[in-house]
Amino acid sequence: MEVFRLAHAGIVVSADGFRCLMDPILAEPFEAGANVFEPPAIIDPAFAARCDALILSHAHGDHFSVASLVHLPRGMPVFYPAGDDLIATALARLGFAGATPVTPGESRRVGPLTCTFTRSEVPFPEMGVLFEHDGQSLWNCVDSILGDAAFATVARRTKRLDAMLVAYQTLVEEPLWRDALGSGFPYDEYRNSLAAVRRAAPRCAMPSACGYRYADAALNARGFPVTEDEFLADLAVFAPEVSGVRLPPGTALDCGALTVCEVVPGALARAQAADQADRREWAPERGIEALRDHNPHGYPAAALRGIVGAWLDTACDAAASAAAADWRARLAAARAVWRLEIVYPDGGSEIRWMDFAAPHPRWISAAPRPPQIRTAIPASTIAGLLDGASNAYQALFTRRVAITLRTLEEGGMTAWGGLGDEPIARLLFPGADRRHLERELARFGYGRPSQALSRSRALGR
């Protein structure tokens, strides 16, 4: 059994001439334009199209992409986590007849491979996969948060794990979403990544599933605190019994001999060049420029102001909905005030406040109290969330946020444990990810189910 790394989290597991593709992203930028490959990679979609089966671990846009799926044969079997409505919709609309939802702990025969799906301790459908063939085993953890259930599943299937693709990068995405300056080094999360490898005790561990950088280069210096080599050096101390190996895009690992070979010429040189680049240095002390609206989708200036004005008039209807009742009550109890600054491409801006302690929160033009949530967001991001050009993830990296909500308790003060800026943004833009999916399907000619059938027949897939 062999595992070949495409780019980022994309891999191909092969045995006896059968190839299983997992989480392919075939072109950049991805995540609605938020991310690019690192190290740089160019992938031939025809290579992915020659694979025999497909597995999708979860619906995040750096693992699941309509722009990538359109290149694949519609007759290939596809496995995805049960309960993920976005993936199910896309596969049905694209005409994948062999799409099968699976649950953690379940095993499936996929060609000569046995695939067992492992649990991730997150509140949405996500899974890793244990691949087995002829006594060899490979666990692709992808982005999973690993708990007892996942380790127990692997332990039941194999006495000794051969290879493990591990999520090594302790991303500070959430601190970046809460505060543009990010945070200190995430010691606890990083320790957990190392401890997961030690607990699984594979013969070989490979850092994976983080082969990207942000398209907004200013965020890279504070978004990626660990390199692959740093992780492997720490792993050698933390779990010296495990052999650490790098698997750059374009290389493959033999799961029996545990040897790496270069499949794509120049793959190792490109990885080494990326290591030497300044963009690989974690330097959260670097300054960050003031927010500007680069208007990547080219909205006319007058149209942008009209779109934003209409949204400001109606967004409070979402805040007043039954679905928002819980977080609205918690923000009211905290007497939270939200300051929203909207930045336009011409450099102008406008500011609104929302007082959640008011009986009926509405945008107002004067501050009732000092704000505890401060957000600056480009006008084009608001327009993109409304028409599907942007998804929620991409929007999180186009604005600046600072949150100082706190809870006063007898004897002290703690950080507020309620919902912060991200859920507020999602609830004030309900259905943003669904709209983005629909826009992507329409972009490739699959705007309606009937089109999906005719398109797939025309392509002979």
Protein backbone atom coordinates (compact mmCIF):
# COMPACT_ATOMS: atom_id res chain seq x y z
CA MET A 1 0.00 0.00 0.00
CA GLU A 2 1.25 3.47 -0.91
CA VAL A 3 0.10 6.99 -0.09
CA PHE A 4 0.80 9.85 -2.51
CA ARG A 5 0.34 13.46 -1.43
CA LEU A 6 -1.27 15.80 -3.95
CA ALA A 7 -1.25 19.13 -2.10
CA HIS A 8 -2.55 20.39 1.23
CA ALA A 9 -4.83 17.58 2.54
CA GLY A 10 -5.30 15.81 -0.79
CA ILE A 11 -3.91 12.27 -0.93
CA VAL A 12 -4.18 9.14 -3.08
CA VAL A 13 -3.97 5.74 -1.35
CA SER A 14 -3.18 2.94 -3.80
CA ALA A 15 -2.94 -0.85 -3.67
CA ASP A 16 -2.93 -3.49 -6.41
CA GLY A 17 -3.41 -0.81 -9.04
CA PHE A 18 -6.52 0.61 -7.30
CA ARG A 19 -6.39 4.28 -6.31
CA CYS A 20 -8.55 5.95 -3.65
CA LEU A 21 -8.60 9.75 -3.73
CA MET A 22 -9.29 11.73 -0.55
CA ASP A 23 -10.05 15.43 -0.01
CA PRO A 24 -8.78 16.67 -3.39
CA ILE A 25 -8.30 20.39 -3.94
CA LEU A 26 -7.07 20.58 -7.53
CA ALA A 27 -6.52 24.31 -8.00
CA GLU A 28 -5.87 27.48 -6.03
CA PRO A 29 -7.05 29.77 -4.58
CA PHE A 30 -9.63 27.80 -2.61
CA GLU A 31 -11.99 28.47 0.31
CA ALA A 32 -13.67 31.19 -1.78
CA GLY A 33 -10.27 32.75 -2.43
CA ALA A 34 -8.97 32.75 1.15
CA ASN A 35 -6.18 30.15 0.77
CA VAL A 36 -3.35 29.16 -1.57
CA PHE A 37 -1.07 26.10 -1.65
CA GLU A 38 2.17 26.08 0.37
CA PRO A 39 4.55 24.85 -0.91
CA PRO A 40 3.38 25.88 -4.38
CA ALA A 41 1.84 23.04 -6.37
CA ILE A 42 0.26 22.51 -9.76
CA ILE A 43 -2.07 19.51 -10.00
CA ASP A 44 -3.23 17.89 -13.24
CA PRO A 45 -6.97 17.26 -12.78
CA ALA A 46 -6.67 14.34 -15.23
CA PHE A 47 -4.55 12.51 -12.64
CA ALA A 48 -7.32 12.78 -10.05
CA ALA A 49 -9.90 11.76 -12.65
CA ARG A 50 -8.09 8.45 -13.14
CA CYS A 51 -8.69 7.44 -9.51
CA ASP A 52 -11.22 4.73 -8.70
CA ALA A 53 -12.95 5.99 -5.54
CA LEU A 54 -13.33 9.20 -3.54
CA ILE A 55 -13.56 9.98 0.18
CA LEU A 56 -14.51 13.41 1.55
CA SER A 57 -13.72 13.95 5.23
CA HIS A 58 -15.86 17.07 5.84
CA ALA A 59 -17.39 20.10 4.15
CA HIS A 60 -14.76 22.76 4.85
CA GLY A 61 -13.72 24.41 1.60
CA ASP A 62 -10.10 23.29 1.82
CA HIS A 63 -11.26 19.65 1.69
CA PHE A 64 -14.46 19.81 -0.37
CA SER A 65 -14.70 21.91 -3.52
CA VAL A 66 -17.18 21.94 -6.40
CA ALA A 67 -14.42 23.32 -8.64
CA SER A 68 -12.45 20.12 -7.97
CA LEU A 69 -15.34 17.65 -8.01
CA VAL A 70 -16.40 18.66 -11.54
CA HIS A 71 -13.23 17.00 -12.89
CA LEU A 72 -14.01 13.56 -11.44
CA PRO A 73 -15.86 10.63 -13.06
CA ARG A 74 -19.46 10.58 -11.89
CA GLY A 75 -19.47 6.79 -11.73
CA MET A 76 -16.83 6.52 -9.00
CA PRO A 77 -18.02 5.50 -5.52
CA VAL A 78 -17.92 8.38 -3.04
CA PHE A 79 -17.99 8.17 0.76
CA TYR A 80 -18.74 11.17 2.96
CA PRO A 81 -19.80 11.76 6.61
CA ALA A 82 -23.47 11.11 7.25
CA GLY A 83 -25.41 14.23 8.13
CA ASP A 84 -23.44 16.64 5.95
CA ASP A 85 -26.14 18.30 3.90
CA LEU A 86 -23.80 20.53 1.84
CA ILE A 87 -21.76 17.58 0.57
CA ALA A 88 -24.87 15.50 -0.08
CA THR A 89 -26.44 18.34 -2.09
CA ALA A 90 -23.34 18.91 -4.19
CA LEU A 91 -22.80 15.23 -4.98
CA ALA A 92 -26.44 14.76 -5.97
CA ARG A 93 -26.49 17.89 -8.13
CA LEU A 94 -23.24 16.92 -9.83
CA GLY A 95 -24.59 13.47 -10.63
CA PHE A 96 -22.45 11.19 -8.45
CA ALA A 97 -24.72 8.14 -8.40
CA GLY A 98 -22.54 6.13 -6.02
CA ALA A 99 -22.46 8.62 -3.12
CA THR A 100 -22.69 6.84 0.24
CA PRO A 101 -22.93 8.48 3.69
CA VAL A 102 -20.92 6.67 6.38
CA THR A 103 -20.65 6.91 10.16
CA PRO A 104 -17.66 6.72 12.53
CA GLY A 105 -16.72 3.16 13.40
CA GLU A 106 -18.12 1.81 10.13
CA SER A 107 -15.87 -0.18 7.76
CA ARG A 108 -16.27 -0.42 3.99
CA ARG A 109 -14.52 -2.46 1.35
CA VAL A 110 -13.23 -0.01 -1.27
CA GLY A 111 -11.59 -2.03 -4.02
CA PRO A 112 -8.77 -4.00 -2.35
CA LEU A 113 -8.71 -1.50 0.55
CA THR A 114 -10.60 -1.76 3.82
CA CYS A 115 -11.59 1.73 4.97
CA THR A 116 -12.70 2.31 8.55
CA PHE A 117 -14.04 5.77 9.36
CA THR A 118 -12.92 7.35 12.62
CA ARG A 119 -14.65 9.91 14.81
CA SER A 120 -13.70 13.55 15.23
CA GLU A 121 -14.76 15.28 18.46
CA VAL A 122 -16.33 18.30 16.78
CA PRO A 123 -19.96 19.50 16.60
CA PHE A 124 -20.30 18.89 12.85
CA PRO A 125 -19.88 15.86 10.52
CA GLU A 126 -16.17 15.11 10.13
CA MET A 127 -14.14 11.91 9.96
CA GLY A 128 -10.71 10.43 9.53
CA VAL A 129 -10.03 7.17 7.69
CA LEU A 130 -8.01 4.07 8.58
CA PHE A 131 -6.85 2.37 5.36
CA GLU A 132 -5.83 -1.31 5.51
CA HIS A 133 -4.43 -3.66 2.89
CA ASP A 134 -2.46 -6.91 3.08
CA GLY A 135 -1.49 -6.41 6.73
CA GLN A 136 -0.48 -2.75 6.29
CA SER A 137 -2.32 0.20 7.85
CA LEU A 138 -2.45 3.97 7.34
CA TRP A 139 -4.53 6.37 9.46
CA ASN A 140 -5.35 9.68 7.82
CA CYS A 141 -6.50 11.86 10.72
CA VAL A 142 -7.08 14.88 8.46
CA ASP A 143 -8.28 17.75 10.73
CA SER A 144 -9.84 15.47 13.34
CA ILE A 145 -9.92 16.28 17.03
CA LEU A 146 -9.08 12.83 18.34
CA GLY A 147 -10.75 11.29 21.37
CA ASP A 148 -11.12 7.87 22.96
CA ALA A 149 -13.59 6.68 20.32
CA ALA A 150 -11.17 7.22 17.43
CA PHE A 151 -8.25 5.54 19.19
CA ALA A 152 -10.47 2.60 20.19
CA THR A 153 -11.61 2.14 16.58
CA VAL A 154 -8.02 2.00 15.34
CA ALA A 155 -6.95 -0.31 18.16
CA ARG A 156 -9.72 -2.77 17.29
CA ARG A 157 -8.57 -2.93 13.68
CA THR A 158 -4.80 -3.22 13.95
CA LYS A 159 -2.22 -4.42 16.45
CA ARG A 160 0.40 -1.94 15.24
CA LEU A 161 -0.34 1.06 13.09
CA ASP A 162 2.16 1.46 10.26
CA ALA A 163 1.70 5.10 9.24
CA MET A 164 -0.23 8.12 10.49
CA LEU A 165 -1.00 11.36 8.67
CA VAL A 166 -1.39 13.76 11.56
CA ALA A 167 -2.79 17.27 11.89
CA TYR A 168 0.33 18.88 13.31
CA GLN A 169 -0.37 22.60 12.79
CA THR A 170 -2.01 24.19 15.82
CA LEU A 171 -3.75 26.87 13.81
CA VAL A 172 -4.60 30.09 15.56
CA GLU A 173 -7.50 30.81 13.23
CA GLU A 174 -9.99 31.43 16.01
CA PRO A 175 -7.75 33.90 17.87
CA LEU A 176 -7.24 35.67 14.54
CA TRP A 177 -11.00 35.82 14.05
CA ARG A 178 -11.43 37.30 17.53
CA ASP A 179 -8.49 39.69 17.32
CA ALA A 180 -6.43 40.57 14.25
CA LEU A 181 -3.24 40.38 16.33
CA GLY A 182 -3.81 36.67 16.99
CA SER A 183 -2.49 35.11 20.19
CA GLY A 184 0.49 33.62 21.95
CA PHE A 185 1.78 30.16 21.10
CA PRO A 186 -1.02 27.54 21.56
CA TYR A 187 0.87 25.23 23.92
CA ASP A 188 -2.06 23.05 24.98
CA GLU A 189 -3.27 22.29 21.45
CA TYR A 190 0.27 21.60 20.27
CA ARG A 191 0.91 19.24 23.17
CA ASN A 192 -2.29 17.39 22.26
CA SER A 193 -1.09 16.90 18.68
CA LEU A 194 2.14 15.33 19.87
CA ALA A 195 0.32 13.26 22.50
CA ALA A 196 -2.04 11.90 19.83
CA VAL A 197 0.89 10.49 17.89
CA ARG A 198 2.43 9.00 21.02
CA ARG A 199 -0.89 7.38 21.95
CA ALA A 200 -1.47 5.94 18.46
CA ALA A 201 2.15 4.67 18.42
CA PRO A 202 2.52 4.28 14.64
CA ARG A 203 5.77 3.08 13.13
CA CYS A 204 5.82 6.32 11.13
CA ALA A 205 4.11 9.72 11.49
CA MET A 206 3.83 12.38 8.78
CA PRO A 207 2.68 15.98 9.32
CA SER A 208 -0.12 16.71 6.86
CA ALA A 209 -3.36 18.56 6.09
CA CYS A 210 -1.88 22.05 6.40
CA GLY A 211 -0.24 22.69 3.05
CA TYR A 212 -1.63 26.17 2.58
CA ARG A 213 -1.21 29.84 3.44
CA TYR A 214 -3.62 32.75 3.50
CA ALA A 215 -4.09 34.78 0.35
CA ASP A 216 -3.96 37.83 2.65
CA ALA A 217 -0.20 37.54 3.22
CA ALA A 218 -0.27 39.91 6.20
CA LEU A 219 -1.99 37.19 8.24
CA ASN A 220 0.56 34.46 7.56
CA ALA A 221 3.14 35.70 10.05
CA ARG A 222 0.63 35.21 12.89
CA GLY A 223 -1.46 32.31 11.58
CA PHE A 224 0.94 29.34 11.36
CA PRO A 225 3.06 28.89 14.51
CA VAL A 226 4.69 25.51 13.62
CA THR A 227 6.55 24.12 10.61
CA GLU A 228 6.69 20.46 9.65
CA ASP A 229 10.36 20.23 10.62
CA GLU A 230 9.71 21.82 14.01
CA PHE A 231 6.93 19.32 14.66
CA LEU A 232 9.12 16.37 13.68
CA ALA A 233 11.98 17.61 15.88
CA ASP A 234 9.62 17.90 18.86
CA LEU A 235 8.10 14.51 18.07
CA ALA A 236 11.58 12.94 18.22
CA VAL A 237 11.80 14.10 21.83
CA PHE A 238 8.17 13.53 22.80
CA ALA A 239 7.80 10.09 21.15
CA PRO A 240 11.26 8.84 20.12
CA GLU A 241 9.85 5.39 19.31
CA VAL A 242 7.95 6.90 16.34
CA SER A 243 9.79 7.61 13.11
CA GLY A 244 8.93 11.09 11.80
CA VAL A 245 8.86 11.59 8.02
CA ARG A 246 7.99 14.54 5.80
CA LEU A 247 5.74 13.86 2.83
CA PRO A 248 5.83 16.96 0.59
CA PRO A 249 3.34 17.33 -2.28
CA GLY A 250 4.44 15.18 -5.19
CA THR A 251 6.02 12.43 -3.06
CA ALA A 252 4.77 9.03 -1.93
CA LEU A 253 5.32 6.76 1.07
CA ASP A 254 5.52 2.98 0.87
CA CYS A 255 3.54 1.93 3.96
CA GLY A 256 5.49 -1.30 4.29
CA ALA A 257 9.09 -0.18 3.84
CA LEU A 258 8.32 3.36 5.15
CA THR A 259 10.41 4.90 2.37
CA VAL A 260 9.57 8.13 0.55
CA CYS A 261 10.10 8.57 -3.18
CA GLU A 262 9.73 11.63 -5.39
CA VAL A 263 6.95 11.00 -7.90
CA VAL A 264 6.66 14.51 -9.37
CA PRO A 265 10.06 15.88 -10.49
CA GLY A 266 11.21 18.83 -8.37
CA ALA A 267 8.78 18.14 -5.51
CA LEU A 268 11.48 18.03 -2.84
CA ALA A 269 13.23 21.13 -4.18
CA ARG A 270 9.98 23.11 -4.09
CA ALA A 271 9.35 22.05 -0.50
CA GLN A 272 12.89 23.06 0.52
CA ALA A 273 12.52 26.44 -1.20
CA ALA A 274 9.29 27.09 0.68
CA ASP A 275 11.02 26.24 3.97
CA GLN A 276 13.62 28.94 3.33
CA ALA A 277 11.08 31.63 2.48
CA ASP A 278 10.40 34.39 4.99
CA ARG A 279 6.68 33.62 4.82
CA ARG A 280 7.29 30.49 6.89
CA GLU A 281 8.33 32.46 9.96
CA TRP A 282 5.79 32.85 12.76
CA ALA A 283 6.18 36.48 13.86
CA PRO A 284 2.97 37.68 15.56
CA GLU A 285 4.65 40.92 16.65
CA ARG A 286 4.65 42.23 13.09
CA GLY A 287 2.31 45.11 12.38
CA ILE A 288 -0.83 44.71 10.32
CA GLU A 289 -2.12 47.25 7.85
CA ALA A 290 -5.42 49.06 8.29
CA LEU A 291 -8.38 47.27 6.76
CA ARG A 292 -9.12 48.12 3.15
CA ASP A 293 -11.78 46.89 0.75
CA HIS A 294 -9.98 45.45 -2.29
CA ASN A 295 -13.37 44.59 -3.85
CA PRO A 296 -12.18 41.33 -5.48
CA HIS A 297 -15.54 40.69 -7.15
CA GLY A 298 -15.71 44.16 -8.71
CA TYR A 299 -18.99 45.45 -7.30
CA PRO A 300 -19.85 48.96 -8.58
CA ALA A 301 -19.45 51.57 -5.86
CA ALA A 302 -23.05 52.79 -6.00
CA ALA A 303 -24.37 49.23 -5.94
CA LEU A 304 -22.27 48.40 -2.88
CA ARG A 305 -23.73 51.25 -0.87
CA GLY A 306 -27.23 50.22 -1.87
CA ILE A 307 -26.60 46.56 -0.94
CA VAL A 308 -25.13 47.50 2.43
CA GLY A 309 -27.92 49.96 3.17
CA ALA A 310 -30.59 47.39 2.43
CA TRP A 311 -28.80 44.81 4.58
CA LEU A 312 -28.54 47.21 7.52
CA ASP A 313 -32.31 47.73 7.29
CA THR A 314 -33.13 44.01 7.31
CA ALA A 315 -30.30 42.28 9.21
CA CYS A 316 -32.04 42.86 12.52
CA ASP A 317 -34.83 40.56 11.36
CA ALA A 318 -32.33 37.70 11.56
CA ALA A 319 -31.23 38.87 15.00
CA ALA A 320 -34.86 38.79 16.13
CA SER A 321 -35.52 35.29 14.76
CA ALA A 322 -36.28 32.30 16.97
CA ALA A 323 -33.02 30.68 15.87
CA ALA A 324 -31.11 33.61 17.36
CA ALA A 325 -33.03 33.77 20.64
CA ASP A 326 -30.40 31.98 22.74
CA TRP A 327 -27.37 34.03 21.78
CA ARG A 328 -29.43 37.25 21.77
CA ALA A 329 -30.50 36.57 25.38
CA ARG A 330 -26.92 35.87 26.46
CA LEU A 331 -25.64 39.05 24.81
CA ALA A 332 -28.48 40.99 26.43
CA ALA A 333 -27.49 39.61 29.83
CA ALA A 334 -23.93 40.79 29.18
CA ARG A 335 -25.29 44.22 28.11
CA ALA A 336 -23.16 43.86 24.99
CA VAL A 337 -22.74 46.64 22.47
CA TRP A 338 -21.48 45.81 18.97
CA ARG A 339 -19.62 48.45 16.96
CA LEU A 340 -19.65 47.70 13.23
CA GLU A 341 -17.48 49.68 10.82
CA ILE A 342 -18.12 49.11 7.11
CA VAL A 343 -15.18 50.00 4.85
CA TYR A 344 -15.73 50.86 1.18
CA PRO A 345 -13.33 50.50 -1.79
CA ASP A 346 -13.00 54.29 -2.10
CA GLY A 347 -11.61 54.47 1.45
CA GLY A 348 -14.79 55.78 3.01
CA SER A 349 -16.55 54.06 5.88
CA GLU A 350 -19.67 54.17 8.01
CA ILE A 351 -20.23 53.05 11.59
CA ARG A 352 -23.26 51.53 13.29
CA TRP A 353 -23.88 50.23 16.82
CA MET A 354 -26.20 47.54 18.11
CA ASP A 355 -27.24 47.48 21.77
CA PHE A 356 -28.25 43.94 22.71
CA ALA A 357 -29.68 45.17 26.03
CA ALA A 358 -32.41 47.03 24.15
CA PRO A 359 -35.83 45.28 23.96
CA HIS A 360 -35.57 45.15 20.15
CA PRO A 361 -31.91 45.44 19.00
CA ARG A 362 -31.52 47.65 15.95
CA TRP A 363 -28.65 49.38 14.22
CA ILE A 364 -28.25 52.88 15.63
CA SER A 365 -25.96 55.73 14.64
CA ALA A 366 -24.66 56.71 18.10
CA ALA A 367 -22.86 54.64 20.76
CA PRO A 368 -25.07 53.95 23.81
CA ARG A 369 -22.06 52.65 25.81
CA PRO A 370 -18.48 51.67 25.02
CA PRO A 371 -18.58 48.61 22.72
CA GLN A 372 -17.39 45.14 23.75
CA ILE A 373 -17.45 43.78 20.20
CA ARG A 374 -15.64 45.83 17.56
CA THR A 375 -15.73 44.69 13.94
CA ALA A 376 -14.47 46.33 10.76
CA ILE A 377 -15.58 44.59 7.57
CA PRO A 378 -15.29 45.43 3.85
CA ALA A 379 -18.53 46.31 2.11
CA SER A 380 -17.70 43.81 -0.64
CA THR A 381 -17.55 41.02 1.96
CA ILE A 382 -21.10 41.86 3.04
CA ALA A 383 -22.24 41.81 -0.59
CA GLY A 384 -20.39 38.53 -1.19
CA LEU A 385 -22.05 36.85 1.80
CA LEU A 386 -25.45 37.94 0.50
CA ASP A 387 -25.02 36.82 -3.12
CA GLY A 388 -22.82 33.73 -2.58
CA ALA A 389 -19.53 35.10 -3.89
CA SER A 390 -18.01 34.64 -0.40
CA ASN A 391 -18.43 31.91 2.20
CA ALA A 392 -18.35 32.36 5.97
CA TYR A 393 -14.72 31.19 6.28
CA GLN A 394 -13.44 33.65 3.68
CA ALA A 395 -15.35 36.45 5.37
CA LEU A 396 -13.63 35.74 8.67
CA PHE A 397 -10.27 36.60 7.09
CA THR A 398 -11.36 39.84 5.46
CA ARG A 399 -12.25 41.76 8.59
CA ARG A 400 -10.70 42.90 11.84
CA VAL A 401 -12.21 42.07 15.21
CA ALA A 402 -11.60 42.75 18.88
CA ILE A 403 -13.80 41.30 21.61
CA THR A 404 -13.69 42.31 25.27
CA LEU A 405 -16.82 40.62 26.53
CA ARG A 406 -16.29 39.38 30.07
CA THR A 407 -18.22 37.74 32.85
CA LEU A 408 -18.09 39.19 36.34
CA GLU A 409 -18.35 36.58 39.05
CA GLU A 410 -17.92 36.68 42.79
CA GLY A 411 -14.20 36.88 43.43
CA GLY A 412 -13.06 37.61 39.89
CA MET A 413 -13.54 38.15 36.19
CA THR A 414 -13.41 35.64 33.34
CA ALA A 415 -13.54 35.78 29.57
CA TRP A 416 -17.13 35.66 28.40
CA GLY A 417 -18.07 32.10 27.46
CA GLY A 418 -20.82 33.12 25.09
CA LEU A 419 -20.92 33.48 21.35
CA GLY A 420 -18.56 35.97 19.81
CA ASP A 421 -18.23 37.66 16.47
CA GLU A 422 -18.20 34.58 14.25
CA PRO A 423 -21.63 33.20 15.24
CA ILE A 424 -23.08 36.71 15.19
CA ALA A 425 -21.85 37.14 11.64
CA ARG A 426 -23.18 33.73 10.63
CA LEU A 427 -26.60 34.36 12.12
CA LEU A 428 -26.84 37.82 10.56
CA PHE A 429 -26.01 36.21 7.19
CA PRO A 430 -28.10 33.03 7.43
CA GLY A 431 -27.43 30.56 4.64
CA ALA A 432 -24.19 32.15 3.44
CA ASP A 433 -22.43 28.82 2.89
CA ARG A 434 -25.48 27.38 1.13
CA ARG A 435 -25.59 30.40 -1.20
CA HIS A 436 -21.90 29.99 -1.95
CA LEU A 437 -22.41 26.32 -2.82
CA GLU A 438 -25.32 27.18 -5.10
CA ARG A 439 -23.26 29.86 -6.83
CA GLU A 440 -20.38 27.42 -7.40
CA LEU A 441 -22.76 24.78 -8.80
CA ALA A 442 -24.30 27.35 -11.13
CA ARG A 443 -20.84 28.53 -12.22
CA PHE A 444 -20.14 25.06 -13.61
CA GLY A 445 -23.57 24.56 -15.13
CA TYR A 446 -25.29 22.64 -12.32
CA GLY A 447 -27.69 25.30 -11.14
CA ARG A 448 -30.68 22.91 -11.23
CA PRO A 449 -30.95 19.13 -10.80
CA SER A 450 -32.09 18.72 -14.42
CA GLN A 451 -28.90 20.42 -15.60
CA ALA A 452 -26.81 18.03 -13.54
CA LEU A 453 -28.26 15.04 -15.39
CA SER A 454 -27.86 16.51 -18.86
CA ARG A 455 -24.36 17.78 -18.06
CA SER A 456 -23.19 14.41 -16.77
CA ARG A 457 -24.56 12.63 -19.82
CA ALA A 458 -22.90 15.12 -22.16
CA LEU A 459 -19.57 14.50 -20.48
CA GLY A 460 -20.07 10.76 -20.62
CA ARG A 461 -19.62 10.46 -16.86
